[in-house]
């Protein structure tokens, strides 16, 4: 019986260590995603839409063209205006053996309306690479 308890203790110790490592990794991935959002904001404010596209993941580039992204982000800017404030609206980190993906949500207030944004980042070499962007806002339909 003591041998069985020893094995159970070892198993729980290994499980706890793995959870701690995953937690640390998730924290680093979340920080990378937050830096990715800040970088996206800086490029968007400077209207450097081609740079956003150039730095985005291949998966992102398969979903749209640089020209279409530029038109879309220009339309968002025209209808919503400059960003005024944001607050977190949830996040999730998915780890697989080959990829870490961060889904990062924000409730955002723009000059002419509110919206809910979702960013998808792939963490590659510790850096957030844009994999997807979505915004939902009634102001996009009404302005």
Protein backbone atom coordinates (compact mmCIF):
# COMPACT_ATOMS: atom_id res chain seq x y z
CA UNK A 1 0.00 0.00 0.00
CA UNK A 2 2.78 2.56 0.77
CA UNK A 3 4.21 1.90 -2.68
CA UNK A 4 0.83 2.74 -4.26
CA UNK A 5 0.62 5.97 -2.26
CA UNK A 6 4.12 6.86 -3.43
CA UNK A 7 3.12 6.38 -7.06
CA UNK A 8 -0.07 8.42 -6.58
CA UNK A 9 1.96 11.21 -4.94
CA UNK A 10 4.48 11.15 -7.81
CA UNK A 11 1.67 11.28 -10.37
CA UNK A 12 0.03 14.26 -8.64
CA UNK A 13 3.40 16.02 -8.36
CA UNK A 14 4.04 15.61 -12.08
CA UNK A 15 0.54 16.81 -12.91
CA UNK A 16 0.96 19.87 -10.70
CA UNK A 17 4.31 20.68 -12.33
CA UNK A 18 2.78 20.42 -15.81
CA UNK A 19 -0.09 22.71 -14.83
CA UNK A 20 2.35 25.27 -13.45
CA UNK A 21 4.39 25.18 -16.65
CA UNK A 22 1.27 25.57 -18.78
CA UNK A 23 0.18 28.50 -16.63
CA UNK A 24 3.51 30.25 -17.08
CA UNK A 25 3.41 29.60 -20.81
CA UNK A 26 -0.16 30.93 -21.01
CA UNK A 27 0.87 34.08 -19.17
CA UNK A 28 3.73 34.70 -21.59
CA UNK A 29 1.42 34.04 -24.55
CA UNK A 30 -1.15 36.47 -23.16
CA UNK A 31 1.51 39.18 -22.77
CA UNK A 32 2.61 38.58 -26.36
CA UNK A 33 -1.02 38.92 -27.51
CA UNK A 34 -1.42 42.20 -25.59
CA UNK A 35 1.72 43.49 -27.30
CA UNK A 36 0.24 42.32 -30.62
CA UNK A 37 -2.93 44.33 -29.97
CA UNK A 38 -0.86 47.43 -29.13
CA UNK A 39 1.16 46.98 -32.33
CA UNK A 40 -2.04 46.53 -34.39
CA UNK A 41 -3.43 49.74 -32.83
CA UNK A 42 -0.28 51.71 -33.62
CA UNK A 43 -0.27 50.54 -37.25
CA UNK A 44 -4.01 51.16 -37.59
CA UNK A 45 -3.73 54.69 -36.17
CA UNK A 46 -0.92 55.40 -38.64
CA UNK A 47 -3.05 53.86 -41.41
CA UNK A 48 -0.24 51.42 -42.20
CA UNK A 49 -2.61 48.70 -43.34
CA UNK A 50 -0.08 47.17 -45.72
CA UNK A 51 2.27 46.62 -42.77
CA UNK A 52 -0.49 44.85 -40.83
CA UNK A 53 -1.01 42.55 -43.79
CA UNK A 54 2.71 41.99 -44.40
CA UNK A 55 3.27 40.98 -40.75
CA UNK A 56 0.15 38.78 -40.54
CA UNK A 57 0.21 34.98 -40.61
CA UNK A 58 -0.05 32.97 -43.80
CA UNK A 59 -3.44 31.78 -42.55
CA UNK A 60 -4.62 35.41 -42.41
CA UNK A 61 -3.26 36.09 -45.89
CA UNK A 62 -5.18 33.10 -47.27
CA UNK A 63 -8.42 34.66 -46.02
CA UNK A 64 -8.03 38.15 -47.54
CA UNK A 65 -5.88 40.35 -49.73
CA UNK A 66 -3.88 43.41 -48.69
CA UNK A 67 -6.20 45.61 -50.75
CA UNK A 68 -9.35 44.20 -49.15
CA UNK A 69 -7.88 44.53 -45.65
CA UNK A 70 -7.00 48.15 -46.38
CA UNK A 71 -10.54 48.88 -47.59
CA UNK A 72 -12.08 47.18 -44.58
CA UNK A 73 -9.92 48.95 -41.99
CA UNK A 74 -10.45 52.28 -43.76
CA UNK A 75 -14.21 51.73 -43.60
CA UNK A 76 -13.99 50.86 -39.88
CA UNK A 77 -12.06 54.08 -39.27
CA UNK A 78 -14.53 56.19 -41.25
CA UNK A 79 -17.60 54.75 -39.54
CA UNK A 80 -16.31 54.35 -35.99
CA UNK A 81 -13.67 57.07 -35.69
CA UNK A 82 -10.63 56.93 -33.44
CA UNK A 83 -10.41 54.47 -30.58
CA UNK A 84 -11.23 56.08 -27.22
CA UNK A 85 -10.99 53.21 -24.71
CA UNK A 86 -11.04 49.45 -24.30
CA UNK A 87 -11.72 46.94 -21.58
CA UNK A 88 -10.93 43.23 -21.60
CA UNK A 89 -13.71 40.95 -22.76
CA UNK A 90 -12.17 37.52 -22.22
CA UNK A 91 -9.28 35.55 -23.57
CA UNK A 92 -8.34 31.97 -24.21
CA UNK A 93 -5.00 30.31 -24.87
CA UNK A 94 -4.85 27.01 -26.77
CA UNK A 95 -1.64 25.01 -26.72
CA UNK A 96 -0.95 22.19 -29.14
CA UNK A 97 2.36 20.47 -29.78
CA UNK A 98 2.97 22.71 -32.81
CA UNK A 99 1.03 25.94 -32.18
CA UNK A 100 -0.05 28.29 -29.43
CA UNK A 101 -3.13 30.33 -30.31
CA UNK A 102 -4.48 33.25 -28.26
CA UNK A 103 -8.04 34.51 -28.67
CA UNK A 104 -8.20 37.99 -27.13
CA UNK A 105 -11.47 39.91 -26.79
CA UNK A 106 -12.05 43.59 -26.08
CA UNK A 107 -15.05 45.82 -25.54
CA UNK A 108 -13.99 48.95 -27.37
CA UNK A 109 -15.36 52.47 -27.41
CA UNK A 110 -14.72 54.49 -30.54
CA UNK A 111 -15.58 58.12 -31.21
CA UNK A 112 -18.83 57.19 -33.00
CA UNK A 113 -19.85 53.93 -31.36
CA UNK A 114 -18.97 50.86 -29.34
CA UNK A 115 -17.83 47.49 -30.60
CA UNK A 116 -16.65 44.09 -29.55
CA UNK A 117 -13.32 43.08 -31.04
CA UNK A 118 -11.74 39.65 -31.21
CA UNK A 119 -8.09 39.16 -32.12
CA UNK A 120 -6.57 35.80 -32.94
CA UNK A 121 -2.81 35.54 -32.58
CA UNK A 122 -0.45 32.67 -33.25
CA UNK A 123 2.52 32.84 -30.90
CA UNK A 124 5.67 32.20 -32.90
CA UNK A 125 9.11 32.57 -31.34
CA UNK A 126 7.52 34.46 -28.46
CA UNK A 127 5.88 37.02 -30.77
CA UNK A 128 2.19 37.43 -31.59
CA UNK A 129 1.43 37.02 -35.29
CA UNK A 130 -2.02 38.16 -36.38
CA UNK A 131 -4.17 35.23 -37.42
CA UNK A 132 -7.58 36.89 -37.39
CA UNK A 133 -9.48 40.06 -36.52
CA UNK A 134 -13.20 40.57 -36.05
CA UNK A 135 -15.24 43.53 -34.91
CA UNK A 136 -18.95 43.62 -34.21
CA UNK A 137 -20.58 47.02 -33.89
CA UNK A 138 -24.04 48.36 -34.68
CA UNK A 139 -22.34 51.65 -35.55
CA UNK A 140 -20.85 49.97 -38.63
CA UNK A 141 -24.38 49.57 -39.95
CA UNK A 142 -25.81 52.87 -38.80
CA UNK A 143 -23.04 55.42 -39.46
